[in-house]
Amino acid sequence: VLDEPLMDRVLTLHDGETGRNLRVALGTILATLVPGKEPEKIILGGPMMGRTASTLQTPMIKGTSGILLDSRYAHRRPMENCIRCGKCTEACPMGLEPFLISTLSRLQDWDEAEQQKIANCIECGSCSYICPASRPILDFIRIGKGKVMAAMRARAAAAKA
């Protein structure tokens, strides 16, 4: 914007009690923003779409929009058997069947996962968030999507050659 390079970014920092917005230079080590000891869980992004960071020694990058340091998100509830309620399908903004796709990924059936449009998943996390059985649906979808996308790129490269 205005012919100026991206040098800093506004991000939201929430420590479980208070939240605040900060303008932070790119490359800043996150530990400088959070005084005290390492929290139990560091989520870069938000509770649904965010990704876990292993340490606060991670640098701030242009895609970092928020930091969540809340122990409520430190542990998952125990996973139970799927009750086939369909809530994940109803919650999917892309109209996919998240349980089916995650099961295909867990079983490593990459061809069928591709047929079920795993590549269309936007990884919003709605399916895992809404699941009453606490199934890690998105985790399996991310793994499967990576495998399917790699196979699709390999086929495209082979077709060009």
C-alpha atoms as a PDB file:
ATOM      1  CA  VAL A   1       0.000   0.000   0.000  1.00  0.00           C
ATOM      2  CA  LEU A   2       1.280   3.459  -0.861  1.00  0.00           C
ATOM      3  CA  ASP A   3       4.413   1.859  -2.378  1.00  0.00           C
ATOM      4  CA  GLU A   4       5.689   0.913   1.078  1.00  0.00           C
ATOM      5  CA  PRO A   5       6.945  -2.582   1.982  1.00  0.00           C
ATOM      6  CA  LEU A   6       5.237  -4.678   4.646  1.00  0.00           C
ATOM      7  CA  MET A   7       7.347  -4.080   7.743  1.00  0.00           C
ATOM      8  CA  ASP A   8       4.901  -4.699  10.589  1.00  0.00           C
ATOM      9  CA  ARG A   9       1.484  -6.097  11.288  1.00  0.00           C
ATOM     10  CA  VAL A  10      -1.306  -5.687  13.803  1.00  0.00           C
ATOM     11  CA  LEU A  11      -1.975  -8.880  15.726  1.00  0.00           C
ATOM     12  CA  THR A  12      -4.258  -9.862  18.568  1.00  0.00           C
ATOM     13  CA  LEU A  13      -2.665 -11.290  21.701  1.00  0.00           C
ATOM     14  CA  HIS A  14      -4.962 -13.083  24.155  1.00  0.00           C
ATOM     15  CA  ASP A  15      -3.528 -14.634  27.302  1.00  0.00           C
ATOM     16  CA  GLY A  16      -6.719 -16.187  28.652  1.00  0.00           C
ATOM     17  CA  GLU A  17      -7.693 -13.170  30.719  1.00  0.00           C
ATOM     18  CA  THR A  18      -7.115 -10.104  28.596  1.00  0.00           C
ATOM     19  CA  GLY A  19      -6.794  -9.449  24.920  1.00  0.00           C
ATOM     20  CA  ARG A  20      -5.027  -6.624  23.174  1.00  0.00           C
ATOM     21  CA  ASN A  21      -4.038  -5.548  19.692  1.00  0.00           C
ATOM     22  CA  LEU A  22      -0.383  -4.799  19.026  1.00  0.00           C
ATOM     23  CA  ARG A  23       1.531  -3.463  16.046  1.00  0.00           C
ATOM     24  CA  VAL A  24       4.517  -5.794  15.767  1.00  0.00           C
ATOM     25  CA  ALA A  25       7.476  -5.708  13.392  1.00  0.00           C
ATOM     26  CA  LEU A  26       7.913  -8.796  11.211  1.00  0.00           C
ATOM     27  CA  GLY A  27      10.643 -11.060  12.555  1.00  0.00           C
ATOM     28  CA  THR A  28       9.993 -10.169  16.191  1.00  0.00           C
ATOM     29  CA  ILE A  29      10.423 -13.193  18.465  1.00  0.00           C
ATOM     30  CA  LEU A  30       7.070 -13.903  20.123  1.00  0.00           C
ATOM     31  CA  ALA A  31       8.704 -14.327  23.548  1.00  0.00           C
ATOM     32  CA  THR A  32       9.333 -10.572  23.618  1.00  0.00           C
ATOM     33  CA  LEU A  33       5.554  -9.996  23.496  1.00  0.00           C
ATOM     34  CA  VAL A  34       4.710 -12.429  26.299  1.00  0.00           C
ATOM     35  CA  PRO A  35       6.443 -11.834  29.624  1.00  0.00           C
ATOM     36  CA  GLY A  36       6.900 -14.722  32.008  1.00  0.00           C
ATOM     37  CA  LYS A  37       7.185 -18.449  31.502  1.00  0.00           C
ATOM     38  CA  GLU A  38       6.228 -20.556  28.474  1.00  0.00           C
ATOM     39  CA  PRO A  39       2.467 -21.143  28.404  1.00  0.00           C
ATOM     40  CA  GLU A  40       0.950 -24.638  28.172  1.00  0.00           C
ATOM     41  CA  LYS A  41      -0.353 -24.025  24.671  1.00  0.00           C
ATOM     42  CA  ILE A  42       0.573 -21.469  22.015  1.00  0.00           C
ATOM     43  CA  ILE A  43      -1.872 -21.144  19.137  1.00  0.00           C
ATOM     44  CA  LEU A  44      -0.948 -18.888  16.235  1.00  0.00           C
ATOM     45  CA  GLY A  45      -4.227 -17.797  14.709  1.00  0.00           C
ATOM     46  CA  GLY A  46      -7.330 -18.704  16.664  1.00  0.00           C
ATOM     47  CA  PRO A  47      -8.970 -21.631  18.442  1.00  0.00           C
ATOM     48  CA  MET A  48     -10.477 -23.116  15.265  1.00  0.00           C
ATOM     49  CA  MET A  49      -8.089 -22.398  12.395  1.00  0.00           C
ATOM     50  CA  GLY A  50      -4.929 -21.679  14.341  1.00  0.00           C
ATOM     51  CA  ARG A  51      -1.854 -23.840  14.366  1.00  0.00           C
ATOM     52  CA  THR A  52       0.107 -24.808  17.442  1.00  0.00           C
ATOM     53  CA  ALA A  53       3.590 -23.408  17.962  1.00  0.00           C
ATOM     54  CA  SER A  54       6.015 -25.430  20.051  1.00  0.00           C
ATOM     55  CA  THR A  55       7.791 -22.442  21.580  1.00  0.00           C
ATOM     56  CA  LEU A  56       7.615 -18.680  21.926  1.00  0.00           C
ATOM     57  CA  GLN A  57      11.016 -18.476  20.213  1.00  0.00           C
ATOM     58  CA  THR A  58       9.055 -18.450  16.949  1.00  0.00           C
ATOM     59  CA  PRO A  59       9.425 -15.280  14.843  1.00  0.00           C
ATOM     60  CA  MET A  60       6.464 -13.149  13.819  1.00  0.00           C
ATOM     61  CA  ILE A  61       5.693 -13.618  10.106  1.00  0.00           C
ATOM     62  CA  LYS A  62       3.301 -11.791   7.818  1.00  0.00           C
ATOM     63  CA  GLY A  63       0.640 -14.488   8.237  1.00  0.00           C
ATOM     64  CA  THR A  64       0.529 -14.248  12.029  1.00  0.00           C
ATOM     65  CA  SER A  65      -2.762 -12.553  12.852  1.00  0.00           C
ATOM     66  CA  GLY A  66      -3.147 -13.585  16.460  1.00  0.00           C
ATOM     67  CA  ILE A  67      -1.587 -15.407  19.374  1.00  0.00           C
ATOM     68  CA  LEU A  68      -3.751 -17.354  21.791  1.00  0.00           C
ATOM     69  CA  LEU A  69      -2.167 -18.359  25.110  1.00  0.00           C
ATOM     70  CA  ASP A  70      -5.087 -19.938  26.911  1.00  0.00           C
ATOM     71  CA  SER A  71      -4.785 -23.120  28.956  1.00  0.00           C
ATOM     72  CA  ARG A  72      -8.426 -23.977  28.164  1.00  0.00           C
ATOM     73  CA  TYR A  73      -7.195 -25.009  24.726  1.00  0.00           C
ATOM     74  CA  ALA A  74      -4.217 -26.974  26.049  1.00  0.00           C
ATOM     75  CA  HIS A  75      -5.924 -30.359  26.178  1.00  0.00           C
ATOM     76  CA  ARG A  76      -8.448 -32.051  23.949  1.00  0.00           C
ATOM     77  CA  ARG A  77     -11.423 -33.892  25.310  1.00  0.00           C
ATOM     78  CA  PRO A  78     -11.147 -37.686  25.016  1.00  0.00           C
ATOM     79  CA  MET A  79     -12.115 -38.969  21.576  1.00  0.00           C
ATOM     80  CA  GLU A  80     -15.238 -41.113  21.419  1.00  0.00           C
ATOM     81  CA  ASN A  81     -16.807 -43.243  18.685  1.00  0.00           C
ATOM     82  CA  CYS A  82     -18.590 -41.364  15.930  1.00  0.00           C
ATOM     83  CA  ILE A  83     -22.359 -41.412  16.424  1.00  0.00           C
ATOM     84  CA  ARG A  84     -23.045 -40.462  12.776  1.00  0.00           C
ATOM     85  CA  CYS A  85     -24.938 -37.331  13.817  1.00  0.00           C
ATOM     86  CA  GLY A  86     -24.009 -35.403  10.650  1.00  0.00           C
ATOM     87  CA  LYS A  87     -23.140 -32.195  12.504  1.00  0.00           C
ATOM     88  CA  CYS A  88     -19.756 -32.013  10.772  1.00  0.00           C
ATOM     89  CA  THR A  89     -21.443 -32.166   7.377  1.00  0.00           C
ATOM     90  CA  GLU A  90     -23.931 -29.464   8.357  1.00  0.00           C
ATOM     91  CA  ALA A  91     -21.124 -27.228   9.631  1.00  0.00           C
ATOM     92  CA  CYS A  92     -18.915 -27.594   6.533  1.00  0.00           C
ATOM     93  CA  PRO A  93     -19.025 -24.334   4.533  1.00  0.00           C
ATOM     94  CA  MET A  94     -17.790 -26.191   1.439  1.00  0.00           C
ATOM     95  CA  GLY A  95     -20.571 -28.795   1.475  1.00  0.00           C
ATOM     96  CA  LEU A  96     -18.175 -31.694   2.019  1.00  0.00           C
ATOM     97  CA  GLU A  97     -18.601 -34.800   4.171  1.00  0.00           C
ATOM     98  CA  PRO A  98     -15.788 -34.294   6.698  1.00  0.00           C
ATOM     99  CA  PHE A  99     -16.250 -37.585   8.540  1.00  0.00           C
ATOM    100  CA  LEU A 100     -16.060 -39.580   5.302  1.00  0.00           C
ATOM    101  CA  ILE A 101     -13.018 -37.687   4.062  1.00  0.00           C
ATOM    102  CA  SER A 102     -11.198 -38.010   7.398  1.00  0.00           C
ATOM    103  CA  THR A 103     -11.951 -41.740   7.519  1.00  0.00           C
ATOM    104  CA  LEU A 104     -10.603 -42.202   3.981  1.00  0.00           C
ATOM    105  CA  SER A 105      -7.486 -40.310   4.995  1.00  0.00           C
ATOM    106  CA  ARG A 106      -7.071 -42.364   8.170  1.00  0.00           C
ATOM    107  CA  LEU A 107      -7.356 -45.531   6.037  1.00  0.00           C
ATOM    108  CA  GLN A 108      -4.902 -44.043   3.497  1.00  0.00           C
ATOM    109  CA  ASP A 109      -7.373 -44.385   0.613  1.00  0.00           C
ATOM    110  CA  TRP A 110      -5.965 -41.382  -1.250  1.00  0.00           C
ATOM    111  CA  ASP A 111      -7.755 -42.054  -4.561  1.00  0.00           C
ATOM    112  CA  GLU A 112     -11.192 -42.126  -2.951  1.00  0.00           C
ATOM    113  CA  ALA A 113     -10.331 -39.110  -0.803  1.00  0.00           C
ATOM    114  CA  GLU A 114      -9.512 -37.218  -3.992  1.00  0.00           C
ATOM    115  CA  GLN A 115     -12.831 -38.332  -5.500  1.00  0.00           C
ATOM    116  CA  GLN A 116     -14.605 -36.991  -2.397  1.00  0.00           C
ATOM    117  CA  LYS A 117     -12.988 -33.571  -3.024  1.00  0.00           C
ATOM    118  CA  ILE A 118     -10.560 -33.484  -0.089  1.00  0.00           C
ATOM    119  CA  ALA A 119      -8.643 -30.761  -1.935  1.00  0.00           C
ATOM    120  CA  ASN A 120     -11.672 -28.447  -1.617  1.00  0.00           C
ATOM    121  CA  CYS A 121     -11.420 -28.384   2.178  1.00  0.00           C
ATOM    122  CA  ILE A 122     -10.520 -24.891   3.413  1.00  0.00           C
ATOM    123  CA  GLU A 123      -9.386 -26.285   6.803  1.00  0.00           C
ATOM    124  CA  CYS A 124     -11.659 -23.979   8.799  1.00  0.00           C
ATOM    125  CA  GLY A 125     -11.963 -26.428  11.698  1.00  0.00           C
ATOM    126  CA  SER A 126     -15.752 -26.228  11.949  1.00  0.00           C
ATOM    127  CA  CYS A 127     -16.097 -30.002  11.665  1.00  0.00           C
ATOM    128  CA  SER A 128     -13.763 -30.764  14.574  1.00  0.00           C
ATOM    129  CA  TYR A 129     -15.177 -27.937  16.665  1.00  0.00           C
ATOM    130  CA  ILE A 130     -18.807 -29.080  16.313  1.00  0.00           C
ATOM    131  CA  CYS A 131     -18.154 -32.820  16.724  1.00  0.00           C
ATOM    132  CA  PRO A 132     -19.849 -34.090  19.914  1.00  0.00           C
ATOM    133  CA  ALA A 133     -17.530 -37.124  19.912  1.00  0.00           C
ATOM    134  CA  SER A 134     -14.402 -34.907  19.925  1.00  0.00           C
ATOM    135  CA  ARG A 135     -12.976 -36.612  16.851  1.00  0.00           C
ATOM    136  CA  PRO A 136      -9.861 -34.981  15.334  1.00  0.00           C
ATOM    137  CA  ILE A 137     -11.524 -34.736  11.932  1.00  0.00           C
ATOM    138  CA  LEU A 138      -9.455 -31.820  10.657  1.00  0.00           C
ATOM    139  CA  ASP A 139      -6.166 -33.438  11.680  1.00  0.00           C
ATOM    140  CA  PHE A 140      -6.828 -36.430   9.404  1.00  0.00           C
ATOM    141  CA  ILE A 141      -8.108 -34.186   6.615  1.00  0.00           C
ATOM    142  CA  ARG A 142      -4.920 -32.087   6.702  1.00  0.00           C
ATOM    143  CA  ILE A 143      -2.769 -35.210   6.398  1.00  0.00           C
ATOM    144  CA  GLY A 144      -4.859 -36.591   3.559  1.00  0.00           C
ATOM    145  CA  LYS A 145      -5.043 -33.269   1.765  1.00  0.00           C
ATOM    146  CA  GLY A 146      -1.252 -33.024   1.816  1.00  0.00           C
ATOM    147  CA  LYS A 147      -0.884 -36.505   0.309  1.00  0.00           C
ATOM    148  CA  VAL A 148      -3.572 -35.935  -2.340  1.00  0.00           C
ATOM    149  CA  MET A 149      -2.236 -32.517  -3.326  1.00  0.00           C
ATOM    150  CA  ALA A 150       1.285 -33.983  -3.693  1.00  0.00           C
ATOM    151  CA  ALA A 151      -0.080 -36.725  -5.961  1.00  0.00           C
ATOM    152  CA  MET A 152      -1.995 -34.153  -8.016  1.00  0.00           C
ATOM    153  CA  ARG A 153       1.151 -32.029  -8.443  1.00  0.00           C
ATOM    154  CA  ALA A 154       3.157 -35.108  -9.473  1.00  0.00           C
ATOM    155  CA  ARG A 155       0.553 -36.023 -12.095  1.00  0.00           C
ATOM    156  CA  ALA A 156       0.537 -32.456 -13.431  1.00  0.00           C
ATOM    157  CA  ALA A 157       4.353 -32.432 -13.645  1.00  0.00           C
ATOM    158  CA  ALA A 158       4.352 -35.803 -15.427  1.00  0.00           C
ATOM    159  CA  ALA A 159       1.760 -34.541 -17.922  1.00  0.00           C
ATOM    160  CA  LYS A 160       3.922 -31.505 -18.762  1.00  0.00           C
ATOM    161  CA  ALA A 161       7.022 -33.654 -19.350  1.00  0.00           C
END
